[in-house]
Amino acid sequence: MGVVTLGLRALPFVAGPWLRRHRMVGQLGRFLPLAIMVLLALHTAWGHAQARRALPWAEAAAIVLVVLLQWRFRQTLLSIAAGTVVYMLLIGL
């Protein structure tokens, strides 16, 4: 197991030069992180709404605020903090 784990962790470093040459890998590198973050945010928002037995309005409002602040100011900490505060205020109402 240790050899397999070490091999899997070393693989990106060994295959890095080969991967950088391929166009498809570059496209995935630009698209995939955003897609994964969107899917995680939607899954989390839906799960929290189901736990509260409500429609995901508070989650949607917080996500929209985070996206708008990030798009406008490009300050990740500001976006996350504002989204968290708005979400907590909305579910507290």
PDB file of N, CA and C in Angstrom:
ATOM      1  N   MET A   1       0.820  -1.182   0.000  1.00  0.00           N
ATOM      2  CA  MET A   1       0.000   0.000   0.000  1.00  0.00           C
ATOM      3  C   MET A   1       0.868   1.251   0.000  1.00  0.00           C
ATOM      4  N   GLY A   2       1.950   1.201   0.733  1.00  0.00           N
ATOM      5  CA  GLY A   2       2.833   2.362   0.789  1.00  0.00           C
ATOM      6  C   GLY A   2       3.437   2.685  -0.568  1.00  0.00           C
ATOM      7  N   VAL A   3       3.828   1.655  -1.303  1.00  0.00           N
ATOM      8  CA  VAL A   3       4.411   1.863  -2.635  1.00  0.00           C
ATOM      9  C   VAL A   3       3.363   2.437  -3.586  1.00  0.00           C
ATOM     10  N   VAL A   4       2.140   1.934  -3.525  1.00  0.00           N
ATOM     11  CA  VAL A   4       1.069   2.442  -4.383  1.00  0.00           C
ATOM     12  C   VAL A   4       0.771   3.903  -4.037  1.00  0.00           C
ATOM     13  N   THR A   5       0.680   4.221  -2.762  1.00  0.00           N
ATOM     14  CA  THR A   5       0.421   5.598  -2.341  1.00  0.00           C
ATOM     15  C   THR A   5       1.539   6.521  -2.798  1.00  0.00           C
ATOM     16  N   LEU A   6       2.761   6.127  -2.596  1.00  0.00           N
ATOM     17  CA  LEU A   6       3.901   6.932  -3.038  1.00  0.00           C
ATOM     18  C   LEU A   6       3.888   7.109  -4.552  1.00  0.00           C
ATOM     19  N   GLY A   7       3.597   6.046  -5.270  1.00  0.00           N
ATOM     20  CA  GLY A   7       3.533   6.134  -6.730  1.00  0.00           C
ATOM     21  C   GLY A   7       2.450   7.090  -7.220  1.00  0.00           C
ATOM     22  N   LEU A   8       1.286   7.017  -6.601  1.00  0.00           N
ATOM     23  CA  LEU A   8       0.198   7.907  -6.998  1.00  0.00           C
ATOM     24  C   LEU A   8       0.514   9.371  -6.699  1.00  0.00           C
ATOM     25  N   ARG A   9       1.203   9.617  -5.605  1.00  0.00           N
ATOM     26  CA  ARG A   9       1.568  10.997  -5.260  1.00  0.00           C
ATOM     27  C   ARG A   9       2.698  11.509  -6.129  1.00  0.00           C
ATOM     28  N   ALA A  10       3.575  10.647  -6.585  1.00  0.00           N
ATOM     29  CA  ALA A  10       4.707  11.058  -7.421  1.00  0.00           C
ATOM     30  C   ALA A  10       4.317  11.169  -8.893  1.00  0.00           C
ATOM     31  N   LEU A  11       3.251  10.517  -9.301  1.00  0.00           N
ATOM     32  CA  LEU A  11       2.860  10.487 -10.712  1.00  0.00           C
ATOM     33  C   LEU A  11       2.702  11.870 -11.347  1.00  0.00           C
ATOM     34  N   PRO A  12       2.035  12.839 -10.715  1.00  0.00           N
ATOM     35  CA  PRO A  12       1.919  14.156 -11.357  1.00  0.00           C
ATOM     36  C   PRO A  12       3.269  14.830 -11.612  1.00  0.00           C
ATOM     37  N   PHE A  13       4.239  14.601 -10.736  1.00  0.00           N
ATOM     38  CA  PHE A  13       5.548  15.211 -10.921  1.00  0.00           C
ATOM     39  C   PHE A  13       6.323  14.524 -12.038  1.00  0.00           C
ATOM     40  N   VAL A  14       6.179  13.225 -12.138  1.00  0.00           N
ATOM     41  CA  VAL A  14       6.869  12.469 -13.184  1.00  0.00           C
ATOM     42  C   VAL A  14       6.228  12.734 -14.544  1.00  0.00           C
ATOM     43  N   ALA A  15       4.900  12.789 -14.586  1.00  0.00           N
ATOM     44  CA  ALA A  15       4.183  12.955 -15.851  1.00  0.00           C
ATOM     45  C   ALA A  15       3.959  14.422 -16.214  1.00  0.00           C
ATOM     46  N   GLY A  16       4.386  15.358 -15.359  1.00  0.00           N
ATOM     47  CA  GLY A  16       4.157  16.777 -15.593  1.00  0.00           C
ATOM     48  C   GLY A  16       4.612  17.284 -16.950  1.00  0.00           C
ATOM     49  N   PRO A  17       5.845  17.035 -17.347  1.00  0.00           N
ATOM     50  CA  PRO A  17       6.287  17.526 -18.659  1.00  0.00           C
ATOM     51  C   PRO A  17       5.457  16.956 -19.820  1.00  0.00           C
ATOM     52  N   TRP A  18       5.078  15.708 -19.715  1.00  0.00           N
ATOM     53  CA  TRP A  18       4.264  15.096 -20.767  1.00  0.00           C
ATOM     54  C   TRP A  18       2.871  15.713 -20.788  1.00  0.00           C
ATOM     55  N   LEU A  19       2.294  15.953 -19.607  1.00  0.00           N
ATOM     56  CA  LEU A  19       0.937  16.504 -19.526  1.00  0.00           C
ATOM     57  C   LEU A  19       0.866  17.946 -20.017  1.00  0.00           C
ATOM     58  N   ARG A  20       1.908  18.738 -19.783  1.00  0.00           N
ATOM     59  CA  ARG A  20       1.891  20.151 -20.186  1.00  0.00           C
ATOM     60  C   ARG A  20       1.831  20.331 -21.698  1.00  0.00           C
ATOM     61  N   ARG A  21       2.266  19.347 -22.440  1.00  0.00           N
ATOM     62  CA  ARG A  21       2.279  19.448 -23.905  1.00  0.00           C
ATOM     63  C   ARG A  21       0.916  19.208 -24.528  1.00  0.00           C
ATOM     64  N   HIS A  22      -0.005  18.630 -23.822  1.00  0.00           N
ATOM     65  CA  HIS A  22      -1.282  18.245 -24.406  1.00  0.00           C
ATOM     66  C   HIS A  22      -2.335  19.332 -24.224  1.00  0.00           C
ATOM     67  N   ARG A  23      -2.993  19.657 -25.329  1.00  0.00           N
ATOM     68  CA  ARG A  23      -3.986  20.716 -25.358  1.00  0.00           C
ATOM     69  C   ARG A  23      -5.188  20.393 -24.462  1.00  0.00           C
ATOM     70  N   MET A  24      -5.626  19.163 -24.472  1.00  0.00           N
ATOM     71  CA  MET A  24      -6.799  18.767 -23.694  1.00  0.00           C
ATOM     72  C   MET A  24      -6.558  18.943 -22.189  1.00  0.00           C
ATOM     73  N   VAL A  25      -5.371  18.647 -21.730  1.00  0.00           N
ATOM     74  CA  VAL A  25      -5.039  18.811 -20.321  1.00  0.00           C
ATOM     75  C   VAL A  25      -5.078  20.292 -19.948  1.00  0.00           C
ATOM     76  N   GLY A  26      -4.603  21.148 -20.833  1.00  0.00           N
ATOM     77  CA  GLY A  26      -4.675  22.587 -20.594  1.00  0.00           C
ATOM     78  C   GLY A  26      -6.104  23.085 -20.505  1.00  0.00           C
ATOM     79  N   GLN A  27      -6.961  22.581 -21.389  1.00  0.00           N
ATOM     80  CA  GLN A  27      -8.373  22.974 -21.351  1.00  0.00           C
ATOM     81  C   GLN A  27      -9.035  22.506 -20.062  1.00  0.00           C
ATOM     82  N   LEU A  28      -8.740  21.287 -19.651  1.00  0.00           N
ATOM     83  CA  LEU A  28      -9.290  20.783 -18.394  1.00  0.00           C
ATOM     84  C   LEU A  28      -8.792  21.596 -17.209  1.00  0.00           C
ATOM     85  N   GLY A  29      -7.543  22.029 -17.248  1.00  0.00           N
ATOM     86  CA  GLY A  29      -6.981  22.826 -16.177  1.00  0.00           C
ATOM     87  C   GLY A  29      -7.659  24.181 -16.040  1.00  0.00           C
ATOM     88  N   ARG A  30      -8.162  24.709 -17.149  1.00  0.00           N
ATOM     89  CA  ARG A  30      -8.863  25.990 -17.092  1.00  0.00           C
ATOM     90  C   ARG A  30     -10.322  25.815 -16.690  1.00  0.00           C
ATOM     91  N   PHE A  31     -10.964  24.730 -17.060  1.00  0.00           N
ATOM     92  CA  PHE A  31     -12.401  24.544 -16.877  1.00  0.00           C
ATOM     93  C   PHE A  31     -12.755  23.765 -15.616  1.00  0.00           C
ATOM     94  N   LEU A  32     -12.019  22.738 -15.308  1.00  0.00           N
ATOM     95  CA  LEU A  32     -12.394  21.797 -14.259  1.00  0.00           C
ATOM     96  C   LEU A  32     -12.454  22.400 -12.847  1.00  0.00           C
ATOM     97  N   PRO A  33     -11.496  23.221 -12.414  1.00  0.00           N
ATOM     98  CA  PRO A  33     -11.611  23.758 -11.047  1.00  0.00           C
ATOM     99  C   PRO A  33     -12.907  24.539 -10.819  1.00  0.00           C
ATOM    100  N   LEU A  34     -13.290  25.373 -11.763  1.00  0.00           N
ATOM    101  CA  LEU A  34     -14.532  26.127 -11.617  1.00  0.00           C
ATOM    102  C   LEU A  34     -15.738  25.189 -11.609  1.00  0.00           C
ATOM    103  N   ALA A  35     -15.747  24.212 -12.478  1.00  0.00           N
ATOM    104  CA  ALA A  35     -16.866  23.268 -12.530  1.00  0.00           C
ATOM    105  C   ALA A  35     -17.003  22.503 -11.222  1.00  0.00           C
ATOM    106  N   ILE A  36     -15.890  22.086 -10.656  1.00  0.00           N
ATOM    107  CA  ILE A  36     -15.935  21.345  -9.392  1.00  0.00           C
ATOM    108  C   ILE A  36     -16.447  22.242  -8.271  1.00  0.00           C
ATOM    109  N   MET A  37     -15.989  23.487  -8.218  1.00  0.00           N
ATOM    110  CA  MET A  37     -16.453  24.401  -7.178  1.00  0.00           C
ATOM    111  C   MET A  37     -17.948  24.672  -7.302  1.00  0.00           C
ATOM    112  N   VAL A  38     -18.439  24.833  -8.515  1.00  0.00           N
ATOM    113  CA  VAL A  38     -19.874  25.068  -8.720  1.00  0.00           C
ATOM    114  C   VAL A  38     -20.675  23.854  -8.250  1.00  0.00           C
ATOM    115  N   LEU A  39     -20.239  22.672  -8.636  1.00  0.00           N
ATOM    116  CA  LEU A  39     -20.944  21.457  -8.217  1.00  0.00           C
ATOM    117  C   LEU A  39     -20.924  21.292  -6.702  1.00  0.00           C
ATOM    118  N   LEU A  40     -19.802  21.560  -6.073  1.00  0.00           N
ATOM    119  CA  LEU A  40     -19.725  21.455  -4.611  1.00  0.00           C
ATOM    120  C   LEU A  40     -20.641  22.474  -3.932  1.00  0.00           C
ATOM    121  N   ALA A  41     -20.667  23.701  -4.439  1.00  0.00           N
ATOM    122  CA  ALA A  41     -21.528  24.729  -3.843  1.00  0.00           C
ATOM    123  C   ALA A  41     -22.996  24.357  -3.991  1.00  0.00           C
ATOM    124  N   LEU A  42     -23.398  23.888  -5.166  1.00  0.00           N
ATOM    125  CA  LEU A  42     -24.790  23.499  -5.381  1.00  0.00           C
ATOM    126  C   LEU A  42     -25.186  22.309  -4.510  1.00  0.00           C
ATOM    127  N   HIS A  43     -24.315  21.333  -4.432  1.00  0.00           N
ATOM    128  CA  HIS A  43     -24.595  20.149  -3.614  1.00  0.00           C
ATOM    129  C   HIS A  43     -24.727  20.532  -2.143  1.00  0.00           C
ATOM    130  N   THR A  44     -23.829  21.367  -1.659  1.00  0.00           N
ATOM    131  CA  THR A  44     -23.879  21.795  -0.269  1.00  0.00           C
ATOM    132  C   THR A  44     -25.126  22.625   0.016  1.00  0.00           C
ATOM    133  N   ALA A  45     -25.442  23.551  -0.894  1.00  0.00           N
ATOM    134  CA  ALA A  45     -26.623  24.398  -0.704  1.00  0.00           C
ATOM    135  C   ALA A  45     -27.889  23.549  -0.662  1.00  0.00           C
ATOM    136  N   TRP A  46     -28.002  22.612  -1.567  1.00  0.00           N
ATOM    137  CA  TRP A  46     -29.188  21.758  -1.602  1.00  0.00           C
ATOM    138  C   TRP A  46     -29.274  20.903  -0.348  1.00  0.00           C
ATOM    139  N   GLY A  47     -28.144  20.379   0.109  1.00  0.00           N
ATOM    140  CA  GLY A  47     -28.139  19.557   1.319  1.00  0.00           C
ATOM    141  C   GLY A  47     -28.545  20.348   2.552  1.00  0.00           C
ATOM    142  N   HIS A  48     -28.058  21.572   2.657  1.00  0.00           N
ATOM    143  CA  HIS A  48     -28.431  22.401   3.812  1.00  0.00           C
ATOM    144  C   HIS A  48     -29.906  22.775   3.759  1.00  0.00           C
ATOM    145  N   ALA A  49     -30.411  23.066   2.569  1.00  0.00           N
ATOM    146  CA  ALA A  49     -31.833  23.408   2.439  1.00  0.00           C
ATOM    147  C   ALA A  49     -32.700  22.203   2.815  1.00  0.00           C
ATOM    148  N   GLN A  50     -32.306  21.020   2.390  1.00  0.00           N
ATOM    149  CA  GLN A  50     -33.072  19.823   2.743  1.00  0.00           C
ATOM    150  C   GLN A  50     -33.030  19.570   4.244  1.00  0.00           C
ATOM    151  N   ALA A  51     -31.900  19.845   4.871  1.00  0.00           N
ATOM    152  CA  ALA A  51     -31.785  19.645   6.317  1.00  0.00           C
ATOM    153  C   ALA A  51     -32.718  20.597   7.067  1.00  0.00           C
ATOM    154  N   ARG A  52     -32.927  21.793   6.506  1.00  0.00           N
ATOM    155  CA  ARG A  52     -33.838  22.751   7.133  1.00  0.00           C
ATOM    156  C   ARG A  52     -35.277  22.549   6.668  1.00  0.00           C
ATOM    157  N   ARG A  53     -35.481  21.626   5.726  1.00  0.00           N
ATOM    158  CA  ARG A  53     -36.799  21.360   5.141  1.00  0.00           C
ATOM    159  C   ARG A  53     -37.396  22.623   4.538  1.00  0.00           C
ATOM    160  N   ALA A  54     -36.592  23.286   3.719  1.00  0.00           N
ATOM    161  CA  ALA A  54     -37.013  24.530   3.082  1.00  0.00           C
ATOM    162  C   ALA A  54     -36.430  24.597   1.677  1.00  0.00           C
ATOM    163  N   LEU A  55     -36.949  25.507   0.894  1.00  0.00           N
ATOM    164  CA  LEU A  55     -36.354  25.753  -0.417  1.00  0.00           C
ATOM    165  C   LEU A  55     -35.035  26.490  -0.222  1.00  0.00           C
ATOM    166  N   PRO A  56     -34.099  26.332  -1.131  1.00  0.00           N
ATOM    167  CA  PRO A  56     -32.750  26.896  -0.923  1.00  0.00           C
ATOM    168  C   PRO A  56     -32.638  28.388  -1.257  1.00  0.00           C
ATOM    169  N   TRP A  57     -33.577  29.219  -0.758  1.00  0.00           N
ATOM    170  CA  TRP A  57     -33.514  30.658  -1.058  1.00  0.00           C
ATOM    171  C   TRP A  57     -32.347  31.326  -0.363  1.00  0.00           C
ATOM    172  N   ALA A  58     -32.114  31.010   0.891  1.00  0.00           N
ATOM    173  CA  ALA A  58     -30.998  31.623   1.624  1.00  0.00           C
ATOM    174  C   ALA A  58     -29.668  31.226   0.998  1.00  0.00           C
ATOM    175  N   GLU A  59     -29.549  29.969   0.626  1.00  0.00           N
ATOM    176  CA  GLU A  59     -28.325  29.493   0.004  1.00  0.00           C
ATOM    177  C   GLU A  59     -28.103  30.165  -1.344  1.00  0.00           C
ATOM    178  N   ALA A  60     -29.180  30.270  -2.125  1.00  0.00           N
ATOM    179  CA  ALA A  60     -29.067  30.898  -3.445  1.00  0.00           C
ATOM    180  C   ALA A  60     -28.670  32.360  -3.312  1.00  0.00           C
ATOM    181  N   ALA A  61     -29.251  33.073  -2.357  1.00  0.00           N
ATOM    182  CA  ALA A  61     -28.907  34.483  -2.157  1.00  0.00           C
ATOM    183  C   ALA A  61     -27.439  34.633  -1.771  1.00  0.00           C
ATOM    184  N   ALA A  62     -26.961  33.772  -0.883  1.00  0.00           N
ATOM    185  CA  ALA A  62     -25.563  33.842  -0.463  1.00  0.00           C
ATOM    186  C   ALA A  62     -24.623  33.519  -1.621  1.00  0.00           C
ATOM    187  N   ILE A  63     -24.971  32.524  -2.418  1.00  0.00           N
ATOM    188  CA  ILE A  63     -24.130  32.155  -3.565  1.00  0.00           C
ATOM    189  C   ILE A  63     -24.094  33.284  -4.585  1.00  0.00           C
ATOM    190  N   VAL A  64     -25.237  33.883  -4.872  1.00  0.00           N
ATOM    191  CA  VAL A  64     -25.282  35.002  -5.827  1.00  0.00           C
ATOM    192  C   VAL A  64     -24.424  36.157  -5.313  1.00  0.00           C
ATOM    193  N   LEU A  65     -24.522  36.462  -4.029  1.00  0.00           N
ATOM    194  CA  LEU A  65     -23.715  37.534  -3.464  1.00  0.00           C
ATOM    195  C   LEU A  65     -22.223  37.227  -3.587  1.00  0.00           C
ATOM    196  N   VAL A  66     -21.835  36.014  -3.276  1.00  0.00           N
ATOM    197  CA  VAL A  66     -20.424  35.629  -3.378  1.00  0.00           C
ATOM    198  C   VAL A  66     -19.929  35.763  -4.815  1.00  0.00           C
ATOM    199  N   VAL A  67     -20.721  35.289  -5.757  1.00  0.00           N
ATOM    200  CA  VAL A  67     -20.316  35.372  -7.168  1.00  0.00           C
ATOM    201  C   VAL A  67     -20.178  36.822  -7.607  1.00  0.00           C
ATOM    202  N   LEU A  68     -21.146  37.664  -7.250  1.00  0.00           N
ATOM    203  CA  LEU A  68     -21.088  39.068  -7.651  1.00  0.00           C
ATOM    204  C   LEU A  68     -19.904  39.797  -7.013  1.00  0.00           C
ATOM    205  N   LEU A  69     -19.681  39.580  -5.722  1.00  0.00           N
ATOM    206  CA  LEU A  69     -18.549  40.230  -5.071  1.00  0.00           C
ATOM    207  C   LEU A  69     -17.218  39.747  -5.628  1.00  0.00           C
ATOM    208  N   GLN A  70     -17.116  38.452  -5.895  1.00  0.00           N
ATOM    209  CA  GLN A  70     -15.877  37.914  -6.446  1.00  0.00           C
ATOM    210  C   GLN A  70     -15.639  38.449  -7.846  1.00  0.00           C
ATOM    211  N   TRP A  71     -16.687  38.532  -8.635  1.00  0.00           N
ATOM    212  CA  TRP A  71     -16.570  39.050 -10.004  1.00  0.00           C
ATOM    213  C   TRP A  71     -16.162  40.522  -9.989  1.00  0.00           C
ATOM    214  N   ARG A  72     -16.724  41.287  -9.052  1.00  0.00           N
ATOM    215  CA  ARG A  72     -16.478  42.733  -9.026  1.00  0.00           C
ATOM    216  C   ARG A  72     -15.144  43.089  -8.375  1.00  0.00           C
ATOM    217  N   PHE A  73     -14.843  42.500  -7.205  1.00  0.00           N
ATOM    218  CA  PHE A  73     -13.687  42.927  -6.422  1.00  0.00           C
ATOM    219  C   PHE A  73     -12.503  41.954  -6.453  1.00  0.00           C
ATOM    220  N   ARG A  74     -12.730  40.702  -6.809  1.00  0.00           N
ATOM    221  CA  ARG A  74     -11.685  39.679  -6.833  1.00  0.00           C
ATOM    222  C   ARG A  74     -10.966  39.540  -5.479  1.00  0.00           C
ATOM    223  N   GLN A  75     -11.743  39.650  -4.420  1.00  0.00           N
ATOM    224  CA  GLN A  75     -11.238  39.491  -3.060  1.00  0.00           C
ATOM    225  C   GLN A  75     -11.935  38.291  -2.426  1.00  0.00           C
ATOM    226  N   THR A  76     -11.277  37.161  -2.433  1.00  0.00           N
ATOM    227  CA  THR A  76     -11.889  35.918  -1.995  1.00  0.00           C
ATOM    228  C   THR A  76     -12.376  35.989  -0.553  1.00  0.00           C
ATOM    229  N   LEU A  77     -11.560  36.544   0.335  1.00  0.00           N
ATOM    230  CA  LEU A  77     -11.940  36.617   1.742  1.00  0.00           C
ATOM    231  C   LEU A  77     -13.190  37.475   1.927  1.00  0.00           C
ATOM    232  N   LEU A  78     -13.265  38.600   1.237  1.00  0.00           N
ATOM    233  CA  LEU A  78     -14.446  39.459   1.300  1.00  0.00           C
ATOM    234  C   LEU A  78     -15.679  38.713   0.800  1.00  0.00           C
ATOM    235  N   SER A  79     -15.558  38.029  -0.313  1.00  0.00           N
ATOM    236  CA  SER A  79     -16.685  37.308  -0.899  1.00  0.00           C
ATOM    237  C   SER A  79     -17.198  36.222   0.035  1.00  0.00           C
ATOM    238  N   ILE A  80     -16.283  35.436   0.574  1.00  0.00           N
ATOM    239  CA  ILE A  80     -16.683  34.341   1.461  1.00  0.00           C
ATOM    240  C   ILE A  80     -17.293  34.882   2.753  1.00  0.00           C
ATOM    241  N   ALA A  81     -16.672  35.905   3.330  1.00  0.00           N
ATOM    242  CA  ALA A  81     -17.185  36.466   4.582  1.00  0.00           C
ATOM    243  C   ALA A  81     -18.577  37.069   4.380  1.00  0.00           C
ATOM    244  N   ALA A  82     -18.766  37.831   3.319  1.00  0.00           N
ATOM    245  CA  ALA A  82     -20.069  38.446   3.063  1.00  0.00           C
ATOM    246  C   ALA A  82     -21.133  37.381   2.804  1.00  0.00           C
ATOM    247  N   GLY A  83     -20.794  36.370   2.019  1.00  0.00           N
ATOM    248  CA  GLY A  83     -21.743  35.296   1.750  1.00  0.00           C
ATOM    249  C   GLY A  83     -22.127  34.545   3.009  1.00  0.00           C
ATOM    250  N   THR A  84     -21.158  34.302   3.871  1.00  0.00           N
ATOM    251  CA  THR A  84     -21.434  33.608   5.127  1.00  0.00           C
ATOM    252  C   THR A  84     -22.339  34.440   6.033  1.00  0.00           C
ATOM    253  N   VAL A  85     -22.042  35.731   6.151  1.00  0.00           N
ATOM    254  CA  VAL A  85     -22.854  36.605   7.005  1.00  0.00           C
ATOM    255  C   VAL A  85     -24.289  36.681   6.485  1.00  0.00           C
ATOM    256  N   VAL A  86     -24.445  36.865   5.176  1.00  0.00           N
ATOM    257  CA  VAL A  86     -25.792  36.950   4.592  1.00  0.00           C
ATOM    258  C   VAL A  86     -26.536  35.634   4.799  1.00  0.00           C
ATOM    259  N   TYR A  87     -25.875  34.527   4.587  1.00  0.00           N
ATOM    260  CA  TYR A  87     -26.523  33.224   4.777  1.00  0.00           C
ATOM    261  C   TYR A  87     -26.970  33.042   6.230  1.00  0.00           C
ATOM    262  N   MET A  88     -26.089  33.361   7.163  1.00  0.00           N
ATOM    263  CA  MET A  88     -26.437  33.194   8.579  1.00  0.00           C
ATOM    264  C   MET A  88     -27.578  34.120   8.969  1.00  0.00           C
ATOM    265  N   LEU A  89     -27.598  35.339   8.448  1.00  0.00           N
ATOM    266  CA  LEU A  89     -28.704  36.238   8.738  1.00  0.00           C
ATOM    267  C   LEU A  89     -30.018  35.723   8.152  1.00  0.00           C
ATOM    268  N   LEU A  90     -29.975  35.215   6.946  1.00  0.00           N
ATOM    269  CA  LEU A  90     -31.194  34.746   6.289  1.00  0.00           C
ATOM    270  C   LEU A  90     -31.781  33.490   6.940  1.00  0.00           C
ATOM    271  N   ILE A  91     -30.922  32.574   7.376  1.00  0.00           N
ATOM    272  CA  ILE A  91     -31.481  31.371   8.009  1.00  0.00           C
ATOM    273  C   ILE A  91     -31.900  31.664   9.444  1.00  0.00           C
ATOM    274  N   GLY A  92     -31.389  32.764  10.007  1.00  0.00           N
ATOM    275  CA  GLY A  92     -31.784  33.145  11.358  1.00  0.00           C
ATOM    276  C   GLY A  92     -33.115  33.863  11.392  1.00  0.00           C
ATOM    277  N   LEU A  93     -33.577  34.343  10.237  1.00  0.00           N
ATOM    278  CA  LEU A  93     -34.833  35.086  10.211  1.00  0.00           C
ATOM    279  C   LEU A  93     -36.040  34.168  10.272  1.00  0.00           C
TER     280      LEU A  93
END
